[in-house]
């Protein structure tokens, strides 16, 4: 069994990256990073961006987080 992939994150004003392991979401079949895992590393985080785009949260069928 191989290890889950990780996603690199960094604080806005830092050049240092932090790797956060992903979790496998059974419903979507995708590897995801939970917001609570991000907050464990970046306690004051308010949102995640990829370049100029905000990353949306995974939601259920009613668009609830």
Protein backbone atom coordinates (compact mmCIF):
# COMPACT_ATOMS: atom_id res chain seq x y z
CA UNK A 1 0.00 0.00 0.00
CA UNK A 2 1.48 3.35 -0.97
CA UNK A 3 1.42 6.44 1.19
CA UNK A 4 -1.17 9.11 0.49
CA UNK A 5 0.10 12.04 -1.54
CA UNK A 6 0.70 15.34 0.21
CA UNK A 7 -0.21 18.90 -0.74
CA UNK A 8 2.22 21.78 -0.21
CA UNK A 9 0.98 24.91 1.54
CA UNK A 10 2.72 28.10 2.61
CA UNK A 11 1.74 31.15 4.58
CA UNK A 12 1.23 34.30 2.56
CA UNK A 13 4.40 36.06 3.68
CA UNK A 14 6.66 33.00 3.89
CA UNK A 15 8.77 31.10 1.40
CA UNK A 16 8.72 27.95 3.57
CA UNK A 17 6.26 25.25 2.51
CA UNK A 18 4.50 22.72 4.71
CA UNK A 19 3.39 19.35 3.32
CA UNK A 20 -0.01 18.20 4.55
CA UNK A 21 -0.97 14.58 3.80
CA UNK A 22 -4.18 14.13 1.84
CA UNK A 23 -7.13 11.93 2.74
CA UNK A 24 -8.99 9.76 0.23
CA UNK A 25 -12.60 10.89 -0.17
CA UNK A 26 -14.63 7.77 -0.92
CA UNK A 27 -17.56 9.64 -2.49
CA UNK A 28 -15.55 11.69 -5.01
CA UNK A 29 -12.62 9.28 -5.34
CA UNK A 30 -10.24 12.22 -4.97
CA UNK A 31 -7.48 13.00 -2.53
CA UNK A 32 -8.47 15.96 -0.36
CA UNK A 33 -7.04 18.09 2.45
CA UNK A 34 -9.46 18.92 5.25
CA UNK A 35 -9.72 22.49 6.50
CA UNK A 36 -9.09 21.28 10.07
CA UNK A 37 -5.77 19.78 8.92
CA UNK A 38 -4.76 23.11 7.38
CA UNK A 39 -5.70 24.92 10.61
CA UNK A 40 -3.49 22.56 12.62
CA UNK A 41 -0.49 23.92 10.70
CA UNK A 42 -1.72 27.48 10.07
CA UNK A 43 -3.89 28.43 13.05
CA UNK A 44 -4.80 31.88 11.71
CA UNK A 45 -5.64 30.76 8.17
CA UNK A 46 -8.78 32.30 6.68
CA UNK A 47 -8.77 30.86 3.17
CA UNK A 48 -6.62 28.99 0.63
CA UNK A 49 -5.55 30.37 -2.74
CA UNK A 50 -3.92 28.79 -5.76
CA UNK A 51 -2.29 31.74 -7.48
CA UNK A 52 -5.03 34.34 -7.83
CA UNK A 53 -7.90 31.86 -7.36
CA UNK A 54 -9.53 31.02 -4.04
CA UNK A 55 -9.83 27.26 -3.43
CA UNK A 56 -13.42 26.26 -2.67
CA UNK A 57 -14.34 23.92 0.17
CA UNK A 58 -15.66 20.44 -0.54
CA UNK A 59 -19.41 20.50 0.04
CA UNK A 60 -22.21 17.98 0.28
CA UNK A 61 -25.16 17.71 -2.13
CA UNK A 62 -26.81 20.74 -0.47
CA UNK A 63 -23.58 22.81 -0.80
CA UNK A 64 -23.02 22.66 2.97
CA UNK A 65 -19.41 22.50 4.16
